[in-house]
Amino acid sequence: MMRIPVSSPAVLGRLKNFCKPYDFVLAPILLTDKLDPEERAEKPILITRFTKHSEEWLDATYYNVRTGKECSITTGDRGNGGIPVKTYREILHQYLYHPECKFAGPDGRPCDPWTRGVLQRRHIIAADFKYCGKEVKRKLEQGPVDHETDFKVKVYASRRVSADPETLRALADFSEREIHKGTRLSRRIIRHIRHKGQVKPKTMQKIFDFLSKTKTDRPPARLWLRARTFRSSEA
């Protein structure tokens, strides 16, 4: 059973017909395994008046926020027409089979509900860095507003790109003067790209156009220097 404060605009918008602002309501956690297929598609959002006496929770009158209809709850079979909810025992029992995502099993694989043995730390290799917001899934703040759905953090992705190793190897065959003449980019930007710096996509596109244009026009710079050195030695 969750205690929901009716203090945020999201919760107040859902519950404006059921309670007053800055009030408290109780919301049970549904046992979705025992719901009908139609109820799973439109999972009920149940609330009832706040009370500290747990012996009154099972016999209290609940309201479905989606439909506004009165309903009851049950912790067993649905013989009386009540909606099945989770008990404290079932919630605590889930911890026994809850996989530890931060650790790996003895075989080095991610943990699952059946992992046994001494756990070890999972090694993470960072491929790139992405900036994201500090928003988290706060059930007590959001209240009964479909908080069981997947929550996605806002990611502030940078649109700048950097040159891949193949592009860097191709740029090594040209001098800064040749790249500047073919792309009209400043030498500072060219050095920045060569040192794996990030630039705008349109700037990197100029590099790609330059490499694709000069790929067949002339041999690589190192081969060209060898050929010129060879001719000088013959002379």
C-alpha atoms as a PDB file:
ATOM      1  CA  MET A   1       0.000   0.000   0.000  1.00  0.00           C
ATOM      2  CA  MET A   2       1.424   3.364  -1.034  1.00  0.00           C
ATOM      3  CA  ARG A   3       0.631   6.690   0.552  1.00  0.00           C
ATOM      4  CA  ILE A   4       0.168   9.286  -2.195  1.00  0.00           C
ATOM      5  CA  PRO A   5       0.331  13.023  -1.383  1.00  0.00           C
ATOM      6  CA  VAL A   6      -1.988  15.052  -3.615  1.00  0.00           C
ATOM      7  CA  SER A   7       0.440  17.914  -4.020  1.00  0.00           C
ATOM      8  CA  SER A   8       1.803  17.840  -7.577  1.00  0.00           C
ATOM      9  CA  PRO A   9      -0.166  19.063 -10.631  1.00  0.00           C
ATOM     10  CA  ALA A  10       0.020  15.622 -12.247  1.00  0.00           C
ATOM     11  CA  VAL A  11      -1.615  13.896  -9.279  1.00  0.00           C
ATOM     12  CA  LEU A  12      -4.128  16.660  -8.711  1.00  0.00           C
ATOM     13  CA  GLY A  13      -5.204  16.516 -12.359  1.00  0.00           C
ATOM     14  CA  ARG A  14      -5.970  12.814 -12.024  1.00  0.00           C
ATOM     15  CA  LEU A  15      -7.648  12.956  -8.618  1.00  0.00           C
ATOM     16  CA  LYS A  16      -9.489  16.280  -8.739  1.00  0.00           C
ATOM     17  CA  ASN A  17     -12.855  14.476  -8.699  1.00  0.00           C
ATOM     18  CA  PHE A  18     -11.934  12.191  -5.799  1.00  0.00           C
ATOM     19  CA  CYS A  19     -10.146  14.268  -3.165  1.00  0.00           C
ATOM     20  CA  LYS A  20      -9.028  17.743  -2.184  1.00  0.00           C
ATOM     21  CA  PRO A  21      -5.621  19.318  -2.879  1.00  0.00           C
ATOM     22  CA  TYR A  22      -2.848  18.664  -0.356  1.00  0.00           C
ATOM     23  CA  ASP A  23      -4.655  15.575   0.911  1.00  0.00           C
ATOM     24  CA  PHE A  24      -3.404  11.983   1.153  1.00  0.00           C
ATOM     25  CA  VAL A  25      -4.791   8.835  -0.468  1.00  0.00           C
ATOM     26  CA  LEU A  26      -3.812   5.167  -0.404  1.00  0.00           C
ATOM     27  CA  ALA A  27      -3.036   3.215  -3.582  1.00  0.00           C
ATOM     28  CA  PRO A  28      -2.569  -0.578  -3.500  1.00  0.00           C
ATOM     29  CA  ILE A  29      -0.059  -2.380  -5.718  1.00  0.00           C
ATOM     30  CA  LEU A  30      -1.952  -4.620  -8.120  1.00  0.00           C
ATOM     31  CA  LEU A  31      -1.126  -8.266  -8.697  1.00  0.00           C
ATOM     32  CA  THR A  32      -1.080  -8.118 -12.507  1.00  0.00           C
ATOM     33  CA  ASP A  33      -0.617 -11.886 -12.948  1.00  0.00           C
ATOM     34  CA  LYS A  34      -4.227 -12.508 -11.860  1.00  0.00           C
ATOM     35  CA  LEU A  35      -5.854  -9.754 -13.918  1.00  0.00           C
ATOM     36  CA  ASP A  36      -8.011 -10.497 -16.937  1.00  0.00           C
ATOM     37  CA  PRO A  37      -6.561  -9.692 -20.395  1.00  0.00           C
ATOM     38  CA  GLU A  38      -8.921  -6.731 -20.733  1.00  0.00           C
ATOM     39  CA  GLU A  39      -7.908  -5.416 -17.333  1.00  0.00           C
ATOM     40  CA  ARG A  40      -4.219  -5.750 -18.185  1.00  0.00           C
ATOM     41  CA  ALA A  41      -4.678  -3.524 -21.240  1.00  0.00           C
ATOM     42  CA  GLU A  42      -6.390  -0.882 -19.101  1.00  0.00           C
ATOM     43  CA  LYS A  43      -4.862  -1.645 -15.732  1.00  0.00           C
ATOM     44  CA  PRO A  44      -6.981  -0.102 -12.957  1.00  0.00           C
ATOM     45  CA  ILE A  45      -5.590   2.680 -10.829  1.00  0.00           C
ATOM     46  CA  LEU A  46      -7.152   2.229  -7.401  1.00  0.00           C
ATOM     47  CA  ILE A  47      -7.274   4.786  -4.594  1.00  0.00           C
ATOM     48  CA  THR A  48      -9.044   5.032  -1.277  1.00  0.00           C
ATOM     49  CA  ARG A  49      -9.165   7.439   1.637  1.00  0.00           C
ATOM     50  CA  PHE A  50      -6.084   7.579   3.825  1.00  0.00           C
ATOM     51  CA  THR A  51      -6.098   5.673   7.082  1.00  0.00           C
ATOM     52  CA  LYS A  52      -3.344   4.381   9.336  1.00  0.00           C
ATOM     53  CA  HIS A  53      -5.313   1.355  10.464  1.00  0.00           C
ATOM     54  CA  SER A  54      -4.208  -1.502   8.209  1.00  0.00           C
ATOM     55  CA  GLU A  55      -7.095  -3.720   9.300  1.00  0.00           C
ATOM     56  CA  GLU A  56      -9.459  -1.416   7.416  1.00  0.00           C
ATOM     57  CA  TRP A  57      -7.634  -1.578   4.089  1.00  0.00           C
ATOM     58  CA  LEU A  58      -9.147  -4.854   2.863  1.00  0.00           C
ATOM     59  CA  ASP A  59     -12.756  -3.815   3.514  1.00  0.00           C
ATOM     60  CA  ALA A  60     -12.416  -0.218   2.336  1.00  0.00           C
ATOM     61  CA  THR A  61     -14.130   1.143  -0.771  1.00  0.00           C
ATOM     62  CA  TYR A  62     -11.740   1.824  -3.638  1.00  0.00           C
ATOM     63  CA  TYR A  63     -12.267   3.927  -6.725  1.00  0.00           C
ATOM     64  CA  ASN A  64     -10.859   3.257 -10.172  1.00  0.00           C
ATOM     65  CA  VAL A  65      -9.361   6.540 -11.345  1.00  0.00           C
ATOM     66  CA  ARG A  66      -9.741   5.515 -14.992  1.00  0.00           C
ATOM     67  CA  THR A  67     -13.483   4.817 -14.859  1.00  0.00           C
ATOM     68  CA  GLY A  68     -14.629   6.389 -11.592  1.00  0.00           C
ATOM     69  CA  LYS A  69     -16.360   3.161 -10.529  1.00  0.00           C
ATOM     70  CA  GLU A  70     -16.315   1.740  -7.019  1.00  0.00           C
ATOM     71  CA  CYS A  71     -14.507  -1.563  -6.520  1.00  0.00           C
ATOM     72  CA  SER A  72     -13.016  -3.762  -3.852  1.00  0.00           C
ATOM     73  CA  ILE A  73      -9.696  -5.550  -3.435  1.00  0.00           C
ATOM     74  CA  THR A  74      -8.714  -9.065  -2.425  1.00  0.00           C
ATOM     75  CA  THR A  75      -5.510 -10.864  -1.527  1.00  0.00           C
ATOM     76  CA  GLY A  76      -6.723 -14.278  -2.650  1.00  0.00           C
ATOM     77  CA  ASP A  77      -8.953 -15.625  -5.427  1.00  0.00           C
ATOM     78  CA  ARG A  78     -11.348 -13.392  -7.309  1.00  0.00           C
ATOM     79  CA  GLY A  79     -14.430 -15.233  -6.096  1.00  0.00           C
ATOM     80  CA  ASN A  80     -15.922 -12.098  -4.546  1.00  0.00           C
ATOM     81  CA  GLY A  81     -15.195  -9.943  -7.603  1.00  0.00           C
ATOM     82  CA  GLY A  82     -12.381  -8.018  -5.957  1.00  0.00           C
ATOM     83  CA  ILE A  83      -9.239  -6.898  -7.740  1.00  0.00           C
ATOM     84  CA  PRO A  84      -6.154  -8.871  -6.576  1.00  0.00           C
ATOM     85  CA  VAL A  85      -3.432  -6.828  -4.899  1.00  0.00           C
ATOM     86  CA  LYS A  86      -0.011  -7.645  -3.496  1.00  0.00           C
ATOM     87  CA  THR A  87       0.531  -8.290   0.168  1.00  0.00           C
ATOM     88  CA  TYR A  88       3.615  -7.431   2.189  1.00  0.00           C
ATOM     89  CA  ARG A  89       4.518 -11.126   2.169  1.00  0.00           C
ATOM     90  CA  GLU A  90       4.468 -11.253  -1.652  1.00  0.00           C
ATOM     91  CA  ILE A  91       6.539  -8.102  -1.952  1.00  0.00           C
ATOM     92  CA  LEU A  92       9.150  -9.422   0.482  1.00  0.00           C
ATOM     93  CA  HIS A  93       9.131 -12.790  -1.288  1.00  0.00           C
ATOM     94  CA  GLN A  94      10.051 -11.053  -4.559  1.00  0.00           C
ATOM     95  CA  TYR A  95      13.333  -9.900  -3.033  1.00  0.00           C
ATOM     96  CA  LEU A  96      14.483 -13.529  -2.912  1.00  0.00           C
ATOM     97  CA  TYR A  97      14.253 -13.740  -6.719  1.00  0.00           C
ATOM     98  CA  HIS A  98      15.216 -10.197  -7.534  1.00  0.00           C
ATOM     99  CA  PRO A  99      18.429 -10.255  -9.631  1.00  0.00           C
ATOM    100  CA  GLU A 100      21.298  -8.046  -8.537  1.00  0.00           C
ATOM    101  CA  CYS A 101      21.934  -6.017 -11.686  1.00  0.00           C
ATOM    102  CA  LYS A 102      25.095  -4.356 -10.369  1.00  0.00           C
ATOM    103  CA  PHE A 103      26.949  -7.631  -9.938  1.00  0.00           C
ATOM    104  CA  ALA A 104      27.787 -10.658 -12.057  1.00  0.00           C
ATOM    105  CA  GLY A 105      27.547 -14.303 -11.112  1.00  0.00           C
ATOM    106  CA  PRO A 106      30.452 -16.696 -10.537  1.00  0.00           C
ATOM    107  CA  ASP A 107      30.543 -17.356 -14.299  1.00  0.00           C
ATOM    108  CA  GLY A 108      30.922 -13.638 -15.097  1.00  0.00           C
ATOM    109  CA  ARG A 109      27.461 -13.301 -16.635  1.00  0.00           C
ATOM    110  CA  PRO A 110      24.793 -10.869 -15.397  1.00  0.00           C
ATOM    111  CA  CYS A 111      22.764 -12.135 -12.466  1.00  0.00           C
ATOM    112  CA  ASP A 112      19.349 -13.692 -12.944  1.00  0.00           C
ATOM    113  CA  PRO A 113      16.809 -14.963 -10.365  1.00  0.00           C
ATOM    114  CA  TRP A 114      18.545 -18.354 -10.269  1.00  0.00           C
ATOM    115  CA  THR A 115      22.157 -17.176  -9.823  1.00  0.00           C
ATOM    116  CA  ARG A 116      23.925 -18.848  -6.904  1.00  0.00           C
ATOM    117  CA  GLY A 117      27.407 -18.421  -5.466  1.00  0.00           C
ATOM    118  CA  VAL A 118      29.797 -15.572  -4.729  1.00  0.00           C
ATOM    119  CA  LEU A 119      29.016 -12.526  -6.853  1.00  0.00           C
ATOM    120  CA  GLN A 120      31.621 -10.354  -8.517  1.00  0.00           C
ATOM    121  CA  ARG A 121      31.632  -6.831  -9.823  1.00  0.00           C
ATOM    122  CA  ARG A 122      30.576  -6.179 -13.391  1.00  0.00           C
ATOM    123  CA  HIS A 123      33.191  -4.457 -15.536  1.00  0.00           C
ATOM    124  CA  ILE A 124      31.959  -1.573 -17.620  1.00  0.00           C
ATOM    125  CA  ILE A 125      33.800  -0.175 -20.645  1.00  0.00           C
ATOM    126  CA  ALA A 126      32.610   3.332 -21.518  1.00  0.00           C
ATOM    127  CA  ALA A 127      32.177   3.743 -25.253  1.00  0.00           C
ATOM    128  CA  ASP A 128      31.021   7.365 -25.210  1.00  0.00           C
ATOM    129  CA  PHE A 129      29.664   9.938 -22.778  1.00  0.00           C
ATOM    130  CA  LYS A 130      26.104  11.246 -22.838  1.00  0.00           C
ATOM    131  CA  TYR A 131      24.657  13.950 -20.647  1.00  0.00           C
ATOM    132  CA  CYS A 132      21.268  13.177 -19.093  1.00  0.00           C
ATOM    133  CA  GLY A 133      18.902  14.876 -16.700  1.00  0.00           C
ATOM    134  CA  LYS A 134      18.561  14.173 -12.998  1.00  0.00           C
ATOM    135  CA  GLU A 135      14.947  13.029 -13.318  1.00  0.00           C
ATOM    136  CA  VAL A 136      14.210   9.759 -11.561  1.00  0.00           C
ATOM    137  CA  LYS A 137      11.187   7.520 -11.111  1.00  0.00           C
ATOM    138  CA  ARG A 138       9.560   8.950  -7.990  1.00  0.00           C
ATOM    139  CA  LYS A 139       6.390   6.991  -7.261  1.00  0.00           C
ATOM    140  CA  LEU A 140       5.460   8.927  -4.165  1.00  0.00           C
ATOM    141  CA  GLU A 141       5.650  12.234  -6.021  1.00  0.00           C
ATOM    142  CA  GLN A 142       3.930  11.153  -9.218  1.00  0.00           C
ATOM    143  CA  GLY A 143       1.252   9.091  -7.497  1.00  0.00           C
ATOM    144  CA  PRO A 144      -1.266   6.991  -9.432  1.00  0.00           C
ATOM    145  CA  VAL A 145      -0.447   8.398 -12.857  1.00  0.00           C
ATOM    146  CA  ASP A 146       0.634   5.234 -14.681  1.00  0.00           C
ATOM    147  CA  HIS A 147       3.854   5.027 -12.677  1.00  0.00           C
ATOM    148  CA  GLU A 148       4.247   1.365 -13.616  1.00  0.00           C
ATOM    149  CA  THR A 149       5.096   2.263 -17.212  1.00  0.00           C
ATOM    150  CA  ASP A 150       8.688   2.499 -18.412  1.00  0.00           C
ATOM    151  CA  PHE A 151      10.376   5.732 -17.413  1.00  0.00           C
ATOM    152  CA  LYS A 152      12.815   7.330 -19.822  1.00  0.00           C
ATOM    153  CA  VAL A 153      15.420   9.842 -18.716  1.00  0.00           C
ATOM    154  CA  LYS A 154      15.909  12.869 -20.918  1.00  0.00           C
ATOM    155  CA  VAL A 155      19.242  12.581 -22.713  1.00  0.00           C
ATOM    156  CA  TYR A 156      21.033  15.726 -23.841  1.00  0.00           C
ATOM    157  CA  ALA A 157      22.926  14.248 -26.745  1.00  0.00           C
ATOM    158  CA  SER A 158      25.618  16.309 -28.407  1.00  0.00           C
ATOM    159  CA  ARG A 159      25.251  16.634 -32.158  1.00  0.00           C
ATOM    160  CA  ARG A 160      28.975  16.991 -32.638  1.00  0.00           C
ATOM    161  CA  VAL A 161      30.917  14.103 -34.118  1.00  0.00           C
ATOM    162  CA  SER A 162      34.538  13.025 -34.182  1.00  0.00           C
ATOM    163  CA  ALA A 163      36.601  11.304 -36.850  1.00  0.00           C
ATOM    164  CA  ASP A 164      36.829   7.535 -36.752  1.00  0.00           C
ATOM    165  CA  PRO A 165      40.213   5.750 -36.945  1.00  0.00           C
ATOM    166  CA  GLU A 166      39.821   5.069 -40.679  1.00  0.00           C
ATOM    167  CA  THR A 167      39.242   8.760 -41.400  1.00  0.00           C
ATOM    168  CA  LEU A 168      42.236   9.736 -39.271  1.00  0.00           C
ATOM    169  CA  ARG A 169      44.450   7.315 -41.195  1.00  0.00           C
ATOM    170  CA  ALA A 170      43.225   8.784 -44.477  1.00  0.00           C
ATOM    171  CA  LEU A 171      43.904  12.352 -43.286  1.00  0.00           C
ATOM    172  CA  ALA A 172      47.461  11.382 -42.345  1.00  0.00           C
ATOM    173  CA  ASP A 173      48.265  11.084 -46.073  1.00  0.00           C
ATOM    174  CA  PHE A 174      47.615  14.796 -46.651  1.00  0.00           C
ATOM    175  CA  SER A 175      49.227  17.936 -45.343  1.00  0.00           C
ATOM    176  CA  GLU A 176      47.313  20.715 -43.589  1.00  0.00           C
ATOM    177  CA  ARG A 177      47.758  22.948 -46.636  1.00  0.00           C
ATOM    178  CA  GLU A 178      46.189  20.349 -48.933  1.00  0.00           C
ATOM    179  CA  ILE A 179      43.252  19.762 -46.580  1.00  0.00           C
ATOM    180  CA  HIS A 180      42.723  23.504 -46.157  1.00  0.00           C
ATOM    181  CA  LYS A 181      42.772  24.022 -49.910  1.00  0.00           C
ATOM    182  CA  GLY A 182      40.278  21.206 -50.514  1.00  0.00           C
ATOM    183  CA  THR A 183      37.871  21.945 -47.648  1.00  0.00           C
ATOM    184  CA  ARG A 184      38.403  25.679 -46.956  1.00  0.00           C
ATOM    185  CA  LEU A 185      38.600  24.817 -43.252  1.00  0.00           C
ATOM    186  CA  SER A 186      40.970  26.657 -40.978  1.00  0.00           C
ATOM    187  CA  ARG A 187      44.121  24.906 -39.873  1.00  0.00           C
ATOM    188  CA  ARG A 188      42.970  25.116 -36.272  1.00  0.00           C
ATOM    189  CA  ILE A 189      39.870  23.059 -37.122  1.00  0.00           C
ATOM    190  CA  ILE A 190      41.983  20.584 -39.106  1.00  0.00           C
ATOM    191  CA  ARG A 191      44.328  20.071 -36.159  1.00  0.00           C
ATOM    192  CA  HIS A 192      41.329  19.702 -33.872  1.00  0.00           C
ATOM    193  CA  ILE A 193      39.893  16.951 -36.081  1.00  0.00           C
ATOM    194  CA  ARG A 194      43.236  15.161 -36.302  1.00  0.00           C
ATOM    195  CA  HIS A 195      43.454  15.112 -32.497  1.00  0.00           C
ATOM    196  CA  LYS A 196      40.050  13.343 -32.266  1.00  0.00           C
ATOM    197  CA  GLY A 197      38.191  16.527 -31.431  1.00  0.00           C
ATOM    198  CA  GLN A 198      34.456  16.902 -31.974  1.00  0.00           C
ATOM    199  CA  VAL A 199      33.082  19.184 -34.673  1.00  0.00           C
ATOM    200  CA  LYS A 200      29.732  19.864 -36.295  1.00  0.00           C
ATOM    201  CA  PRO A 201      28.392  17.227 -38.719  1.00  0.00           C
ATOM    202  CA  LYS A 202      28.538  19.642 -41.656  1.00  0.00           C
ATOM    203  CA  THR A 203      32.207  20.335 -40.895  1.00  0.00           C
ATOM    204  CA  MET A 204      32.986  16.624 -40.829  1.00  0.00           C
ATOM    205  CA  GLN A 205      31.051  16.213 -44.078  1.00  0.00           C
ATOM    206  CA  LYS A 206      33.540  18.545 -45.772  1.00  0.00           C
ATOM    207  CA  ILE A 207      36.317  16.196 -44.680  1.00  0.00           C
ATOM    208  CA  PHE A 208      34.435  13.206 -46.079  1.00  0.00           C
ATOM    209  CA  ASP A 209      33.809  15.005 -49.384  1.00  0.00           C
ATOM    210  CA  PHE A 210      37.483  15.942 -49.602  1.00  0.00           C
ATOM    211  CA  LEU A 211      38.651  12.377 -48.962  1.00  0.00           C
ATOM    212  CA  SER A 212      36.187  10.851 -51.418  1.00  0.00           C
ATOM    213  CA  LYS A 213      37.151  13.386 -54.106  1.00  0.00           C
ATOM    214  CA  THR A 214      40.904  12.997 -53.708  1.00  0.00           C
ATOM    215  CA  LYS A 215      40.837   9.244 -53.227  1.00  0.00           C
ATOM    216  CA  THR A 216      41.125   8.545 -56.937  1.00  0.00           C
ATOM    217  CA  ASP A 217      42.726  11.821 -58.029  1.00  0.00           C
ATOM    218  CA  ARG A 218      46.161  11.153 -56.546  1.00  0.00           C
ATOM    219  CA  PRO A 219      48.029   8.449 -54.639  1.00  0.00           C
ATOM    220  CA  PRO A 220      48.483   8.818 -50.885  1.00  0.00           C
ATOM    221  CA  ALA A 221      50.979  11.418 -49.759  1.00  0.00           C
ATOM    222  CA  ARG A 222      53.500   8.904 -48.419  1.00  0.00           C
ATOM    223  CA  LEU A 223      53.580   6.967 -51.677  1.00  0.00           C
ATOM    224  CA  TRP A 224      53.824  10.224 -53.603  1.00  0.00           C
ATOM    225  CA  LEU A 225      56.797  11.327 -51.484  1.00  0.00           C
ATOM    226  CA  ARG A 226      58.522   7.981 -52.047  1.00  0.00           C
ATOM    227  CA  ALA A 227      57.984   8.257 -55.781  1.00  0.00           C
ATOM    228  CA  ARG A 228      59.372  11.802 -55.840  1.00  0.00           C
ATOM    229  CA  THR A 229      62.401  10.738 -53.754  1.00  0.00           C
ATOM    230  CA  PHE A 230      63.028   7.840 -56.100  1.00  0.00           C
ATOM    231  CA  ARG A 231      62.976  10.118 -59.165  1.00  0.00           C
ATOM    232  CA  SER A 232      65.355  12.574 -57.475  1.00  0.00           C
ATOM    233  CA  SER A 233      67.848   9.820 -56.736  1.00  0.00           C
ATOM    234  CA  GLU A 234      67.750   8.663 -60.382  1.00  0.00           C
ATOM    235  CA  ALA A 235      68.471  12.200 -61.573  1.00  0.00           C
END
